[in-house]
């Protein structure tokens, strides 16, 4: 019997294939008393499971292909950090000893305590990281029960267009996509910023999350249609529906091939307005995909990925080499490097700070300014690399003039120290700030007077403005880039910056959403920065756009607060 399941599409396109189900260890574990003389043995069994999982994760990390997206290794390292944290490494052993209980129960008790802490966190991205704790606990439970901790390989001689169906997937699991070449994956859990979503976009395969009951409803080898664009899974489709989607899939593939021809075409509207299309990257190796998709620069190099998941910190030379490599490989095109956005969910120290809401706490530039020596090392590395190409420096999460002044003072110190050593650098290097806090958007004049350029981080700006958790599917419908408050903030940023003659880029998810491309053009955006995979679609939309037709409709959108009228006007813009 055919039926349809709806979820959140996190990577567009259509996949047609047969289901391959993945089971997870249940978290409904038994509870029994362990005789006092067997407690040491039970603790030893728990320790052995930890060692098994650590070995599995380390083996998976070593097996990550060089061509795999940078997120793969980073996510596995995150799970290793969770595994090695005392909250999972030590606390369950104490519970075993104090309560004389089995290891599975002790682990479950400790996990529940950790998850309760996560539920108090307001930030969407951070709260979703509780999924990582669950995934690590599941791997330990599998080890305690003697089960394998990896995705089972497809059946022998299986077709390549298999669709992985799971309740949830861990970063360690998805590494094996490269080995088994699944055509798509769908999960019961997850949100737009979950690991599964990030990896799906990196792999550029149709994928859907937040399906709730897909793992229970779908049977092994059942024929599926996954429409990642619409967020729909069709189970056991009839021949007419199947034929229609095969035609759509064929048309989609043809369009993708056509888009590749636009790689070297200049992004320009029909009425002659030139637009810069840049890519967001995490590591220097990501430059390859950026250039293949026609990026004319790197709009956001997330430098914190060099700091994560390691026991030590990258020294100045290591950072310098990473920045130089990316810069040289861009062949003279601009590379905007964001200073490390650490803190919150991205910790480098073994002892992590516990706060009520770390997303609003000591992070990004706030953390940098409390660690001036570490910050100076990074600034020196960036300046040194600027001698080998066009580098811009971007400061995240700026809120007030004091933070800006302190950052500029430290940059001046870094320049002075290089001058003393006669080390060359670009003396005209430009420094910009990220506008992702509503206060910064509303007091933009503070930054236009002191900085050379601005970059809007819409992911945080929208969430902070609307107080909406966009990863929670129960309120996901409230996350709205077209909310009048969001449009007003964006219009204000472009207007104020334009008057001051300060260029503005946009590097949030809105930049890669082709349905919003013309709206952003009409608001005044001339530099988009996005995941490399979205560049061809956005370029095509720009090439078919005429600003003279768009501007009047955008002005109408700014004058209305009716959600239905806003959607209708957006449809007219995209017609």
Protein backbone atom coordinates (compact mmCIF):
# COMPACT_ATOMS: atom_id res chain seq x y z
CA UNK A 1 0.00 0.00 0.00
CA UNK A 2 1.35 3.38 -1.00
CA UNK A 3 1.56 6.22 1.51
CA UNK A 4 3.39 9.51 2.02
CA UNK A 5 5.50 10.81 4.95
CA UNK A 6 6.40 14.48 5.38
CA UNK A 7 9.55 15.83 7.02
CA UNK A 8 12.12 18.60 6.66
CA UNK A 9 13.99 18.54 3.37
CA UNK A 10 17.62 19.40 4.09
CA UNK A 11 19.16 18.67 0.69
CA UNK A 12 17.24 19.01 -2.57
CA UNK A 13 16.79 16.66 -5.48
CA UNK A 14 15.03 13.35 -6.07
CA UNK A 15 16.23 9.85 -5.22
CA UNK A 16 14.43 6.65 -6.19
CA UNK A 17 15.57 3.38 -4.69
CA UNK A 18 15.03 0.62 -2.17
CA UNK A 19 15.10 1.05 1.59
CA UNK A 20 18.03 -0.18 3.66
CA UNK A 21 17.13 -0.03 7.35
CA UNK A 22 19.56 0.73 10.15
CA UNK A 23 18.83 -0.20 13.73
CA UNK A 24 19.90 1.74 16.80
CA UNK A 25 20.60 0.40 20.26
CA UNK A 26 17.56 0.96 22.43
CA UNK A 27 17.88 3.40 25.30
CA UNK A 28 15.26 1.47 27.29
CA UNK A 29 17.77 -0.58 29.25
CA UNK A 30 17.15 -2.96 32.10
CA UNK A 31 17.98 -2.26 35.74
CA UNK A 32 19.31 -4.91 38.08
CA UNK A 33 21.35 -5.07 41.26
CA UNK A 34 24.94 -6.28 41.05
CA UNK A 35 26.30 -8.24 44.07
CA UNK A 36 28.95 -6.21 45.88
CA UNK A 37 31.73 -8.67 45.02
CA UNK A 38 30.90 -8.29 41.28
CA UNK A 39 30.91 -4.47 41.23
CA UNK A 40 34.60 -4.26 40.19
CA UNK A 41 33.84 -6.68 37.35
CA UNK A 42 30.87 -4.55 36.24
CA UNK A 43 33.02 -1.42 36.28
CA UNK A 44 35.63 -3.26 34.22
CA UNK A 45 32.93 -4.25 31.70
CA UNK A 46 31.97 -0.59 31.36
CA UNK A 47 35.62 0.42 30.87
CA UNK A 48 36.03 -2.24 28.20
CA UNK A 49 33.00 -0.88 26.32
CA UNK A 50 34.50 2.62 26.44
CA UNK A 51 37.77 1.30 25.01
CA UNK A 52 35.88 -0.53 22.24
CA UNK A 53 33.95 2.57 21.22
CA UNK A 54 37.08 4.74 21.35
CA UNK A 55 38.85 2.26 19.06
CA UNK A 56 35.86 2.24 16.67
CA UNK A 57 35.78 6.03 16.44
CA UNK A 58 39.55 6.31 16.02
CA UNK A 59 39.46 3.69 13.28
CA UNK A 60 36.64 5.54 11.53
CA UNK A 61 38.53 8.83 11.84
CA UNK A 62 41.59 7.26 10.24
CA UNK A 63 39.46 5.87 7.41
CA UNK A 64 37.91 9.19 6.41
CA UNK A 65 38.80 9.63 2.71
CA UNK A 66 40.82 12.68 1.76
CA UNK A 67 37.97 13.64 -0.59
CA UNK A 68 35.34 13.54 2.15
CA UNK A 69 33.75 16.80 3.34
CA UNK A 70 35.63 18.44 6.20
CA UNK A 71 32.62 18.00 8.48
CA UNK A 72 33.12 14.21 8.61
CA UNK A 73 36.34 14.21 10.63
CA UNK A 74 35.17 17.13 12.76
CA UNK A 75 31.98 15.32 13.76
CA UNK A 76 33.79 12.11 14.65
CA UNK A 77 36.23 14.10 16.76
CA UNK A 78 33.29 15.71 18.54
CA UNK A 79 32.03 12.25 19.52
CA UNK A 80 35.49 11.32 20.74
CA UNK A 81 35.51 14.44 22.91
CA UNK A 82 32.13 13.50 24.39
CA UNK A 83 33.32 9.93 24.99
CA UNK A 84 36.47 11.14 26.76
CA UNK A 85 34.67 13.70 28.92
CA UNK A 86 34.47 12.80 32.59
CA UNK A 87 30.67 13.12 32.51
CA UNK A 88 30.56 9.88 30.51
CA UNK A 89 33.94 8.41 31.31
CA UNK A 90 33.91 8.63 35.12
CA UNK A 91 30.41 9.42 36.39
CA UNK A 92 28.76 6.12 35.32
CA UNK A 93 31.47 4.14 37.15
CA UNK A 94 30.64 6.03 40.35
CA UNK A 95 26.94 5.22 39.86
CA UNK A 96 27.82 1.54 39.41
CA UNK A 97 29.81 1.57 42.65
CA UNK A 98 27.38 3.66 44.69
CA UNK A 99 24.14 1.98 43.59
CA UNK A 100 25.55 -1.49 42.82
CA UNK A 101 23.74 -1.47 39.47
CA UNK A 102 24.52 -2.77 35.99
CA UNK A 103 26.63 -0.66 33.64
CA UNK A 104 23.80 -0.10 31.14
CA UNK A 105 21.56 1.41 33.82
CA UNK A 106 24.34 3.62 35.21
CA UNK A 107 25.03 4.94 31.72
CA UNK A 108 21.32 5.61 31.14
CA UNK A 109 20.99 7.49 34.46
CA UNK A 110 23.97 9.68 33.64
CA UNK A 111 22.71 10.34 30.09
CA UNK A 112 19.29 11.44 31.39
CA UNK A 113 21.00 13.91 33.74
CA UNK A 114 23.03 15.35 30.87
CA UNK A 115 20.02 15.65 28.57
CA UNK A 116 18.10 17.50 31.26
CA UNK A 117 20.87 20.12 31.23
CA UNK A 118 20.66 20.42 27.44
CA UNK A 119 16.90 21.01 27.61
CA UNK A 120 17.51 24.23 29.57
CA UNK A 121 19.65 25.71 26.78
CA UNK A 122 17.79 28.26 24.66
CA UNK A 123 20.07 28.23 21.62
CA UNK A 124 18.79 25.93 18.87
CA UNK A 125 22.13 24.67 17.64
CA UNK A 126 23.45 23.93 21.11
CA UNK A 127 20.29 22.17 22.25
CA UNK A 128 20.48 19.93 19.21
CA UNK A 129 23.93 18.78 20.32
CA UNK A 130 22.20 16.58 22.90
CA UNK A 131 21.68 14.25 19.94
CA UNK A 132 25.44 13.72 19.89
CA UNK A 133 25.38 12.60 23.53
CA UNK A 134 22.59 10.12 22.72
CA UNK A 135 24.53 8.78 19.74
CA UNK A 136 27.67 8.22 21.81
CA UNK A 137 25.66 6.49 24.54
CA UNK A 138 24.07 4.25 21.90
CA UNK A 139 27.49 3.19 20.69
CA UNK A 140 28.55 2.34 24.26
CA UNK A 141 25.34 0.34 24.78
CA UNK A 142 26.05 -1.57 21.57
CA UNK A 143 29.54 -2.34 22.81
CA UNK A 144 28.15 -3.54 26.17
CA UNK A 145 25.80 -5.88 24.33
CA UNK A 146 28.46 -7.08 21.89
CA UNK A 147 26.78 -5.54 18.84
CA UNK A 148 28.74 -3.87 16.01
CA UNK A 149 28.88 -0.10 16.16
CA UNK A 150 28.60 0.72 12.48
CA UNK A 151 26.18 0.81 9.61
CA UNK A 152 25.75 -2.67 8.12
CA UNK A 153 26.94 -2.85 4.54
CA UNK A 154 24.31 -3.22 1.81
CA UNK A 155 23.40 -6.77 0.78
CA UNK A 156 25.78 -8.40 -1.73
CA UNK A 157 25.15 -7.37 -5.34
CA UNK A 158 22.78 -4.64 -4.13
CA UNK A 159 21.96 -1.81 -6.48
CA UNK A 160 23.70 1.50 -5.92
CA UNK A 161 20.51 3.52 -5.45
CA UNK A 162 19.84 2.33 -1.90
CA UNK A 163 18.15 4.75 0.50
CA UNK A 164 19.28 4.56 4.10
CA UNK A 165 16.42 4.69 6.62
CA UNK A 166 17.32 5.32 10.25
CA UNK A 167 15.88 6.70 13.45
CA UNK A 168 18.98 8.87 13.59
CA UNK A 169 22.52 8.82 12.21
CA UNK A 170 25.74 9.67 13.98
CA UNK A 171 28.73 11.38 12.34
CA UNK A 172 30.62 8.10 12.58
CA UNK A 173 27.83 6.38 10.67
CA UNK A 174 27.76 8.81 7.79
CA UNK A 175 31.47 8.39 7.08
CA UNK A 176 30.51 5.09 5.53
CA UNK A 177 28.41 6.82 2.86
CA UNK A 178 31.63 7.18 0.88
CA UNK A 179 32.18 3.43 1.10
CA UNK A 180 28.64 2.27 0.29
CA UNK A 181 27.43 5.09 -1.99
CA UNK A 182 23.88 5.41 -0.72
CA UNK A 183 21.67 7.55 -2.95
CA UNK A 184 19.92 9.25 -0.06
CA UNK A 185 19.18 9.02 3.63
CA UNK A 186 16.09 9.77 5.67
CA UNK A 187 15.82 9.93 9.46
CA UNK A 188 13.14 10.25 12.13
CA UNK A 189 15.14 12.83 14.07
CA UNK A 190 17.18 15.88 13.12
CA UNK A 191 16.74 19.48 12.08
CA UNK A 192 18.13 21.94 9.59
CA UNK A 193 21.42 22.29 11.50
CA UNK A 194 21.75 18.68 12.64
CA UNK A 195 24.81 16.68 11.62
CA UNK A 196 22.73 14.66 9.17
CA UNK A 197 21.57 17.86 7.49
CA UNK A 198 25.09 19.31 7.28
CA UNK A 199 26.49 16.11 5.82
CA UNK A 200 23.61 15.80 3.34
CA UNK A 201 24.36 19.26 2.01
CA UNK A 202 28.07 18.46 1.87
CA UNK A 203 27.42 15.27 -0.11
CA UNK A 204 24.76 17.04 -2.19
CA UNK A 205 22.36 14.08 -2.03
CA UNK A 206 18.56 14.30 -1.54
CA UNK A 207 17.81 13.87 2.16
CA UNK A 208 14.99 14.42 4.65
CA UNK A 209 15.01 14.55 8.46
CA UNK A 210 12.33 14.87 11.19
CA UNK A 211 10.09 12.18 9.65
CA UNK A 212 9.24 10.87 13.15
CA UNK A 213 8.04 7.34 12.28
CA UNK A 214 9.76 6.46 9.00
CA UNK A 215 11.97 3.81 10.62
CA UNK A 216 8.90 2.06 12.02
CA UNK A 217 6.67 2.36 8.95
CA UNK A 218 9.12 1.46 6.18
CA UNK A 219 10.17 -2.15 5.51
CA UNK A 220 13.52 -3.42 4.26
CA UNK A 221 13.89 -3.27 0.46
CA UNK A 222 10.64 -1.33 0.04
CA UNK A 223 10.64 1.02 -2.95
CA UNK A 224 10.93 4.70 -1.96
CA UNK A 225 10.84 8.09 -3.62
CA UNK A 226 12.70 10.80 -1.69
CA UNK A 227 11.89 14.35 -2.76
CA UNK A 228 14.44 16.36 -0.80
CA UNK A 229 13.18 19.65 -2.22
CA UNK A 230 9.61 19.18 -0.98
CA UNK A 231 10.49 17.14 2.13
CA UNK A 232 8.33 14.21 1.03
CA UNK A 233 8.91 10.44 1.09
CA UNK A 234 6.57 8.29 -0.99
CA UNK A 235 6.54 4.66 0.09
CA UNK A 236 5.65 1.91 -2.41
CA UNK A 237 4.53 4.34 -5.15
CA UNK A 238 2.20 3.17 -7.93
CA UNK A 239 3.46 3.01 -11.50
CA UNK A 240 2.00 6.37 -12.51
CA UNK A 241 3.62 8.23 -9.61
CA UNK A 242 6.88 6.36 -10.15
CA UNK A 243 6.94 7.32 -13.84
CA UNK A 244 6.24 10.96 -12.98
CA UNK A 245 9.09 11.14 -10.45
CA UNK A 246 11.53 9.35 -12.76
CA UNK A 247 10.79 12.05 -15.32
CA UNK A 248 11.32 14.76 -12.67
CA UNK A 249 14.56 13.10 -11.59
CA UNK A 250 15.79 12.99 -15.18
CA UNK A 251 14.89 16.65 -15.68
CA UNK A 252 16.61 17.58 -12.42
CA UNK A 253 19.79 15.76 -13.50
CA UNK A 254 19.74 17.53 -16.87
CA UNK A 255 19.40 20.89 -15.13
CA UNK A 256 22.36 20.10 -12.85
CA UNK A 257 24.50 19.32 -15.89
CA UNK A 258 23.42 22.57 -17.56
CA UNK A 259 24.29 24.55 -14.45
CA UNK A 260 27.85 23.24 -14.56
CA UNK A 261 28.31 25.14 -17.82
CA UNK A 262 27.76 28.39 -15.91
CA UNK A 263 30.88 27.92 -13.80
CA UNK A 264 32.96 30.48 -15.69
CA UNK A 265 30.05 32.81 -16.51
CA UNK A 266 30.11 36.13 -14.72
CA UNK A 267 27.18 36.61 -12.30
CA UNK A 268 25.35 39.62 -13.73
CA UNK A 269 21.69 40.60 -13.83
CA UNK A 270 19.87 41.28 -17.10
CA UNK A 271 20.23 45.02 -16.49
CA UNK A 272 23.99 44.82 -15.96
CA UNK A 273 24.40 44.66 -12.17
CA UNK A 274 27.44 42.56 -11.23
CA UNK A 275 27.14 40.23 -8.23
CA UNK A 276 29.95 38.45 -6.39
CA UNK A 277 29.31 34.80 -5.50
CA UNK A 278 31.63 33.50 -2.78
CA UNK A 279 31.84 30.20 -0.91
CA UNK A 280 31.83 29.27 2.78
CA UNK A 281 34.60 26.83 3.79
CA UNK A 282 35.90 25.15 6.93
CA UNK A 283 39.33 23.95 5.81
CA UNK A 284 41.76 24.79 2.99
CA UNK A 285 40.87 21.61 1.09
CA UNK A 286 37.33 22.95 0.62
CA UNK A 287 38.70 25.47 -1.86
CA UNK A 288 38.64 22.79 -4.58
CA UNK A 289 34.84 22.44 -4.46
CA UNK A 290 34.45 26.21 -4.25
CA UNK A 291 36.39 26.75 -7.48
CA UNK A 292 34.67 23.86 -9.24
CA UNK A 293 31.33 25.53 -8.56
CA UNK A 294 32.48 28.91 -9.84
CA UNK A 295 33.13 30.83 -6.62
CA UNK A 296 34.84 34.18 -7.19
CA UNK A 297 36.16 34.26 -3.64
CA UNK A 298 35.87 32.78 -0.16
CA UNK A 299 33.34 34.82 1.78
CA UNK A 300 33.69 32.89 5.04
CA UNK A 301 36.64 30.74 6.13
CA UNK A 302 35.55 29.34 9.51
CA UNK A 303 38.99 29.28 11.11
CA UNK A 304 37.79 27.66 14.35
CA UNK A 305 37.80 24.28 12.59
CA UNK A 306 41.60 24.41 12.85
CA UNK A 307 41.26 24.58 16.66
CA UNK A 308 38.65 21.90 17.27
CA UNK A 309 38.96 18.29 18.34
CA UNK A 310 42.59 18.27 19.43
CA UNK A 311 44.48 18.25 22.71
CA UNK A 312 46.78 21.11 21.73
CA UNK A 313 46.26 24.40 19.93
CA UNK A 314 47.53 25.17 16.43
CA UNK A 315 50.59 27.36 16.70
CA UNK A 316 51.22 30.39 14.52
CA UNK A 317 53.08 28.48 11.81
CA UNK A 318 50.37 25.83 11.48
CA UNK A 319 47.68 28.49 11.14
CA UNK A 320 49.82 30.48 8.73
CA UNK A 321 50.26 27.45 6.46
CA UNK A 322 46.50 26.77 6.43
CA UNK A 323 45.61 30.36 5.58
CA UNK A 324 48.39 30.62 2.98
CA UNK A 325 47.31 27.38 1.30
CA UNK A 326 43.71 28.54 0.92
CA UNK A 327 44.81 31.96 -0.27
CA UNK A 328 47.27 30.69 -2.86
CA UNK A 329 44.82 28.11 -4.21
CA UNK A 330 42.27 30.88 -4.81
CA UNK A 331 44.72 32.39 -7.33
CA UNK A 332 44.37 36.03 -6.32
CA UNK A 333 40.64 35.91 -5.52
CA UNK A 334 39.68 37.28 -2.07
CA UNK A 335 39.63 35.04 1.00
CA UNK A 336 37.75 36.34 4.04
CA UNK A 337 38.92 34.57 7.19
CA UNK A 338 36.75 34.76 10.28
CA UNK A 339 38.68 34.88 13.53
CA UNK A 340 37.92 31.85 15.64
CA UNK A 341 34.30 31.58 16.74
CA UNK A 342 35.00 29.35 19.73
CA UNK A 343 33.09 28.99 22.97
CA UNK A 344 29.49 27.80 23.26
CA UNK A 345 29.35 24.42 21.46
CA UNK A 346 32.90 24.68 20.12
CA UNK A 347 35.30 24.13 23.02
CA UNK A 348 39.05 23.55 22.90
CA UNK A 349 39.74 22.96 26.57
CA UNK A 350 39.22 19.64 28.31
CA UNK A 351 37.40 21.41 31.13
CA UNK A 352 34.39 22.95 29.52
CA UNK A 353 32.57 25.87 31.06
CA UNK A 354 28.99 25.11 32.03
CA UNK A 355 26.63 28.06 31.68
CA UNK A 356 22.88 28.43 31.43
CA UNK A 357 23.03 29.69 27.86
CA UNK A 358 26.52 29.40 26.34
CA UNK A 359 25.36 30.71 22.95
CA UNK A 360 24.89 34.09 24.60
CA UNK A 361 27.92 33.81 26.84
CA UNK A 362 31.69 33.91 26.46
CA UNK A 363 32.18 33.10 22.79
CA UNK A 364 33.54 34.47 19.50
CA UNK A 365 35.09 37.96 19.88
CA UNK A 366 34.20 38.01 23.59
CA UNK A 367 36.37 34.94 24.15
CA UNK A 368 39.14 36.29 21.88
CA UNK A 369 39.40 39.46 23.96
CA UNK A 370 39.82 37.45 27.18
CA UNK A 371 42.66 35.49 25.51
CA UNK A 372 44.69 38.25 23.82
CA UNK A 373 47.84 36.16 23.40
CA UNK A 374 45.98 33.39 21.56
CA UNK A 375 44.16 36.02 19.50
CA UNK A 376 47.42 37.78 18.63
CA UNK A 377 48.87 34.50 17.39
CA UNK A 378 45.96 34.07 15.01
CA UNK A 379 46.11 37.68 13.81
CA UNK A 380 49.85 37.36 13.13
CA UNK A 381 49.24 34.17 11.14
CA UNK A 382 46.54 35.86 9.06
CA UNK A 383 48.72 38.91 8.42
CA UNK A 384 51.67 36.75 7.36
CA UNK A 385 49.44 34.80 4.96
CA UNK A 386 48.14 38.07 3.46
CA UNK A 387 51.53 38.48 1.76
CA UNK A 388 50.57 35.57 -0.54
CA UNK A 389 47.16 36.73 -1.72
CA UNK A 390 44.08 38.81 -0.99
CA UNK A 391 43.00 38.19 2.62
CA UNK A 392 40.29 39.99 4.58
CA UNK A 393 39.82 39.52 8.35
CA UNK A 394 36.28 39.10 9.74
CA UNK A 395 35.39 39.49 13.44
CA UNK A 396 32.33 37.48 14.61
CA UNK A 397 29.52 38.50 16.96
CA UNK A 398 30.46 42.15 17.41
CA UNK A 399 28.01 44.04 19.61
CA UNK A 400 29.52 47.38 20.61
CA UNK A 401 32.26 49.93 19.91
CA UNK A 402 34.49 48.71 22.75
CA UNK A 403 34.82 45.22 21.25
CA UNK A 404 35.61 46.71 17.86
CA UNK A 405 38.22 49.07 19.27
CA UNK A 406 39.93 46.32 21.26
CA UNK A 407 40.05 44.04 18.20
CA UNK A 408 41.58 46.82 16.09
CA UNK A 409 44.12 47.58 18.81
CA UNK A 410 45.21 43.95 18.92
CA UNK A 411 45.49 43.93 15.13
CA UNK A 412 47.74 47.00 15.37
CA UNK A 413 49.88 45.17 17.95
CA UNK A 414 50.16 42.18 15.64
CA UNK A 415 51.25 44.43 12.76
CA UNK A 416 53.81 46.18 14.97
CA UNK A 417 55.33 42.86 16.08
CA UNK A 418 55.71 41.75 12.44
CA UNK A 419 57.26 45.08 11.52
CA UNK A 420 59.87 44.62 14.25
CA UNK A 421 60.78 41.25 12.74
CA UNK A 422 60.72 42.58 9.16
CA UNK A 423 58.05 40.00 8.21
CA UNK A 424 56.04 41.14 5.16
CA UNK A 425 52.25 41.39 5.12
CA UNK A 426 49.53 43.28 3.26
CA UNK A 427 49.55 46.71 4.88
CA UNK A 428 46.20 47.49 3.29
CA UNK A 429 44.48 44.40 4.68
CA UNK A 430 40.78 45.04 5.34
CA UNK A 431 38.96 44.15 8.54
CA UNK A 432 35.22 43.59 8.82
CA UNK A 433 32.60 42.58 11.34
CA UNK A 434 29.78 40.05 11.37
CA UNK A 435 26.29 41.43 11.97
CA UNK A 436 24.48 38.58 13.69
CA UNK A 437 23.29 40.25 16.89
CA UNK A 438 20.14 42.41 16.56
CA UNK A 439 21.80 45.14 18.65
CA UNK A 440 24.58 45.40 16.06
CA UNK A 441 22.05 45.66 13.23
CA UNK A 442 20.15 48.42 15.01
CA UNK A 443 23.29 50.40 15.88
CA UNK A 444 25.14 49.82 12.62
CA UNK A 445 26.75 53.25 12.57
CA UNK A 446 29.11 52.09 15.32
CA UNK A 447 30.67 49.63 12.88
CA UNK A 448 30.48 51.50 9.57
CA UNK A 449 32.73 54.20 11.08
CA UNK A 450 35.41 51.75 12.20
CA UNK A 451 35.37 48.80 9.77
CA UNK A 452 36.08 48.30 6.08
CA UNK A 453 33.22 45.87 5.37
CA UNK A 454 30.36 43.96 7.02
CA UNK A 455 29.00 40.44 6.67
CA UNK A 456 25.51 39.43 7.78
CA UNK A 457 25.13 36.08 9.55
CA UNK A 458 21.41 35.51 8.99
CA UNK A 459 21.20 32.16 10.80
CA UNK A 460 21.82 33.72 14.21
CA UNK A 461 20.35 37.10 13.33
CA UNK A 462 16.95 35.57 12.53
CA UNK A 463 16.93 33.21 15.49
CA UNK A 464 17.93 35.92 17.95
CA UNK A 465 15.40 38.34 16.46
CA UNK A 466 12.44 35.94 16.44
CA UNK A 467 13.43 33.75 19.43
CA UNK A 468 12.71 30.70 17.28
CA UNK A 469 14.41 27.32 17.42
CA UNK A 470 14.51 26.47 13.72
CA UNK A 471 15.70 22.92 14.45
CA UNK A 472 12.64 22.10 16.54
CA UNK A 473 10.05 20.84 14.07
CA UNK A 474 7.22 21.69 16.47
CA UNK A 475 7.97 25.39 15.97
CA UNK A 476 9.87 25.25 12.69
CA UNK A 477 6.93 26.84 10.89
CA UNK A 478 7.55 30.00 12.95
CA UNK A 479 11.13 30.40 11.70
CA UNK A 480 10.55 32.93 8.96
CA UNK A 481 13.16 34.91 6.98
CA UNK A 482 10.22 36.91 5.60
CA UNK A 483 9.08 38.14 9.00
CA UNK A 484 8.63 41.93 8.76
CA UNK A 485 11.14 42.45 11.59
CA UNK A 486 13.79 40.45 9.73
CA UNK A 487 13.17 42.27 6.45
CA UNK A 488 13.26 45.61 8.28
CA UNK A 489 16.62 44.75 9.88
CA UNK A 490 18.12 43.63 6.57
CA UNK A 491 16.84 46.67 4.70
CA UNK A 492 18.22 48.91 7.44
CA UNK A 493 21.63 47.28 7.27
CA UNK A 494 21.91 47.70 3.49
CA UNK A 495 20.63 51.28 3.62
CA UNK A 496 22.90 52.43 6.45
CA UNK A 497 25.97 50.67 5.08
CA UNK A 498 25.23 51.99 1.58
CA UNK A 499 25.12 55.58 2.81
CA UNK A 500 28.43 55.07 4.59
CA UNK A 501 30.00 53.46 1.53
CA UNK A 502 30.75 50.23 3.41
CA UNK A 503 30.28 47.00 1.41
CA UNK A 504 28.01 44.30 2.87
CA UNK A 505 28.13 40.54 2.26
CA UNK A 506 25.69 37.88 3.49
CA UNK A 507 27.01 34.47 4.52
CA UNK A 508 24.01 32.82 6.24
CA UNK A 509 21.66 30.19 4.84
CA UNK A 510 19.54 32.87 3.16
CA UNK A 511 22.40 33.42 0.70
CA UNK A 512 22.08 29.87 -0.63
CA UNK A 513 18.26 29.85 -0.79
CA UNK A 514 17.47 30.50 -4.45
CA UNK A 515 13.88 31.50 -3.62
CA UNK A 516 15.30 34.51 -1.72
CA UNK A 517 17.99 35.51 -4.24
CA UNK A 518 15.94 38.18 -5.99
CA UNK A 519 14.59 39.55 -2.72
CA UNK A 520 18.15 39.99 -1.43
CA UNK A 521 19.18 41.62 -4.70
CA UNK A 522 16.28 44.05 -4.38
CA UNK A 523 17.27 44.87 -0.81
CA UNK A 524 20.74 45.80 -2.05
CA UNK A 525 22.91 42.70 -1.57
CA UNK A 526 25.77 42.41 -4.06
CA UNK A 527 27.95 39.76 -2.41
CA UNK A 528 26.53 36.34 -1.53
CA UNK A 529 28.51 33.66 0.31
CA UNK A 530 27.17 30.11 0.67
CA UNK A 531 27.95 26.41 0.62
CA UNK A 532 29.64 25.62 -2.68
CA UNK A 533 26.87 23.27 -3.84
CA UNK A 534 24.34 26.15 -3.97
CA UNK A 535 26.45 28.49 -6.14
CA UNK A 536 25.26 27.28 -9.59
CA UNK A 537 21.54 27.60 -8.71
CA UNK A 538 21.95 31.10 -7.28
CA UNK A 539 24.03 32.20 -10.26
CA UNK A 540 21.37 30.99 -12.68
CA UNK A 541 18.70 32.96 -10.81
CA UNK A 542 20.84 36.11 -10.90
CA UNK A 543 21.43 35.76 -14.65
CA UNK A 544 17.64 35.67 -15.18
CA UNK A 545 16.88 38.64 -12.92
CA UNK A 546 16.17 42.30 -13.72
CA UNK A 547 16.59 44.67 -10.79
CA UNK A 548 14.32 47.32 -12.29
CA UNK A 549 11.45 44.81 -12.11
CA UNK A 550 12.42 43.54 -8.65
CA UNK A 551 12.87 46.79 -6.68
CA UNK A 552 9.23 47.99 -6.70
CA UNK A 553 8.01 44.59 -5.44
CA UNK A 554 10.65 44.51 -2.71
CA UNK A 555 9.57 47.98 -1.56
CA UNK A 556 5.99 46.71 -1.36
CA UNK A 557 7.20 43.82 0.80
CA UNK A 558 8.85 46.26 3.18
CA UNK A 559 5.56 48.17 3.52
CA UNK A 560 3.41 45.17 4.43
CA UNK A 561 3.16 43.10 7.58
CA UNK A 562 0.67 40.54 6.23
CA UNK A 563 2.42 37.12 5.94
CA UNK A 564 0.13 36.01 3.11
CA UNK A 565 0.77 39.17 1.09
CA UNK A 566 4.52 38.81 1.70
CA UNK A 567 4.47 35.29 0.24
CA UNK A 568 2.39 36.43 -2.72
CA UNK A 569 4.81 39.27 -3.43
CA UNK A 570 7.78 36.90 -3.18
CA UNK A 571 6.06 34.60 -5.70
CA UNK A 572 5.65 37.57 -8.03
CA UNK A 573 9.33 38.43 -7.65
CA UNK A 574 10.28 34.87 -8.56
CA UNK A 575 7.78 34.52 -11.42
